[in-house]
């Protein structure tokens, strides 16, 4: 293995892309919780962001699964060993985003009741 082909790193790039998307969406939810007063618009925005995040997670999972067999043999073994952890990673990030999304929708109600 003298050099890495792009196909060798594609599964990793997909996971890093979803990690970046997850961080940005989580920060957006925290910002929306403080900035948006219209609950209907806030709920729509949270749902739209979660759907977009789910699509990116599915894309990252598909990129991992599809590109894995085409990598160099030592990389294939590495990616095959971590396949279950990838699904837990993607699901966990989406669950964290969902919790922050629900908290963002609930935050204005708590602010107005106090």
Protein backbone atom coordinates (compact mmCIF):
# COMPACT_ATOMS: atom_id res chain seq x y z
CA UNK A 1 0.00 0.00 0.00
CA UNK A 2 2.16 2.84 -1.28
CA UNK A 3 -0.65 5.35 -1.67
CA UNK A 4 -4.28 5.69 -0.74
CA UNK A 5 -6.84 5.97 -3.45
CA UNK A 6 -9.88 8.17 -2.97
CA UNK A 7 -12.03 5.04 -2.79
CA UNK A 8 -9.94 3.88 0.17
CA UNK A 9 -10.85 6.94 2.18
CA UNK A 10 -14.41 7.50 0.94
CA UNK A 11 -16.07 5.68 3.88
CA UNK A 12 -14.08 7.79 6.32
CA UNK A 13 -14.89 10.99 4.45
CA UNK A 14 -18.59 10.13 4.61
CA UNK A 15 -18.44 9.68 8.38
CA UNK A 16 -16.47 12.90 8.87
CA UNK A 17 -18.96 14.75 6.69
CA UNK A 18 -21.85 13.52 8.82
CA UNK A 19 -20.01 14.45 12.01
CA UNK A 20 -19.60 17.99 10.68
CA UNK A 21 -23.26 18.16 9.62
CA UNK A 22 -24.30 16.86 13.04
CA UNK A 23 -22.28 19.50 14.88
CA UNK A 24 -23.67 22.28 12.69
CA UNK A 25 -27.27 21.14 13.11
CA UNK A 26 -26.90 20.77 16.88
CA UNK A 27 -25.50 24.31 17.10
CA UNK A 28 -28.31 25.54 14.85
CA UNK A 29 -30.89 24.03 17.22
CA UNK A 30 -29.32 25.78 20.19
CA UNK A 31 -29.34 29.07 18.27
CA UNK A 32 -32.92 28.59 17.08
CA UNK A 33 -34.11 27.91 20.63
CA UNK A 34 -33.04 31.42 21.62
CA UNK A 35 -33.71 33.32 18.40
CA UNK A 36 -37.07 32.07 17.14
CA UNK A 37 -40.29 33.02 18.90
CA UNK A 38 -42.79 31.56 16.40
CA UNK A 39 -43.32 27.96 17.54
CA UNK A 40 -44.89 26.81 14.28
CA UNK A 41 -41.97 28.06 12.20
CA UNK A 42 -39.52 26.65 14.75
CA UNK A 43 -41.17 23.22 14.64
CA UNK A 44 -41.11 23.21 10.82
CA UNK A 45 -37.43 24.22 10.77
CA UNK A 46 -36.47 21.54 13.29
CA UNK A 47 -38.29 18.84 11.33
CA UNK A 48 -36.72 19.99 8.05
CA UNK A 49 -33.23 19.98 9.57
CA UNK A 50 -33.76 16.52 11.06
CA UNK A 51 -34.98 15.14 7.72
CA UNK A 52 -31.93 16.65 6.00
CA UNK A 53 -29.67 15.18 8.65
CA UNK A 54 -31.27 11.76 8.25
CA UNK A 55 -30.67 11.90 4.51
CA UNK A 56 -27.00 12.78 5.04
CA UNK A 57 -26.70 9.92 7.56
CA UNK A 58 -28.19 7.49 5.05
CA UNK A 59 -25.82 8.79 2.38
CA UNK A 60 -22.82 8.35 4.71
CA UNK A 61 -23.96 4.83 5.61
CA UNK A 62 -24.46 3.92 1.95
CA UNK A 63 -21.07 5.37 1.02
CA UNK A 64 -19.47 3.30 3.77
CA UNK A 65 -21.20 0.10 2.68
CA UNK A 66 -20.81 0.57 -1.08
CA UNK A 67 -17.21 1.84 -1.16
CA UNK A 68 -15.90 -0.64 1.41
CA UNK A 69 -15.41 -3.65 -0.93
CA UNK A 70 -13.55 -1.56 -3.53
CA UNK A 71 -10.82 -0.36 -1.17
CA UNK A 72 -7.42 -1.99 -0.95
CA UNK A 73 -7.44 -5.35 0.88
CA UNK A 74 -6.03 -4.10 4.18
CA UNK A 75 -8.52 -1.22 4.22
CA UNK A 76 -11.40 -3.59 3.46
CA UNK A 77 -10.57 -5.62 6.56
CA UNK A 78 -10.39 -2.44 8.63
CA UNK A 79 -13.77 -1.15 7.37
CA UNK A 80 -15.42 -4.55 7.73
CA UNK A 81 -14.28 -4.77 11.36
CA UNK A 82 -15.86 -1.40 12.19
CA UNK A 83 -19.14 -1.82 10.27
CA UNK A 84 -21.30 -2.36 13.42
CA UNK A 85 -19.68 0.62 15.15
CA UNK A 86 -20.48 2.84 12.15
CA UNK A 87 -24.19 2.13 12.45
CA UNK A 88 -24.07 2.91 16.18
CA UNK A 89 -22.12 6.12 15.44
CA UNK A 90 -24.61 7.35 12.82
CA UNK A 91 -27.64 6.42 14.92
CA UNK A 92 -26.16 8.00 18.04
CA UNK A 93 -25.43 11.29 16.32
CA UNK A 94 -28.96 11.41 14.91
CA UNK A 95 -30.43 10.69 18.36
CA UNK A 96 -28.38 13.51 19.89
CA UNK A 97 -29.66 15.87 17.21
CA UNK A 98 -33.23 14.74 17.85
CA UNK A 99 -32.87 15.47 21.57
CA UNK A 100 -31.52 18.95 20.84
CA UNK A 101 -34.32 19.49 18.31
CA UNK A 102 -37.02 18.59 20.83
CA UNK A 103 -35.33 20.80 23.42
CA UNK A 104 -35.29 23.68 20.93
CA UNK A 105 -39.02 23.31 20.27
CA UNK A 106 -39.79 23.08 24.00
CA UNK A 107 -37.57 26.00 25.02
CA UNK A 108 -39.87 28.87 23.94
CA UNK A 109 -42.78 27.32 25.81
CA UNK A 110 -40.71 27.18 29.00
CA UNK A 111 -39.59 30.79 28.54
CA UNK A 112 -43.17 32.08 28.16
CA UNK A 113 -44.52 30.12 31.14
CA UNK A 114 -41.98 31.56 33.58
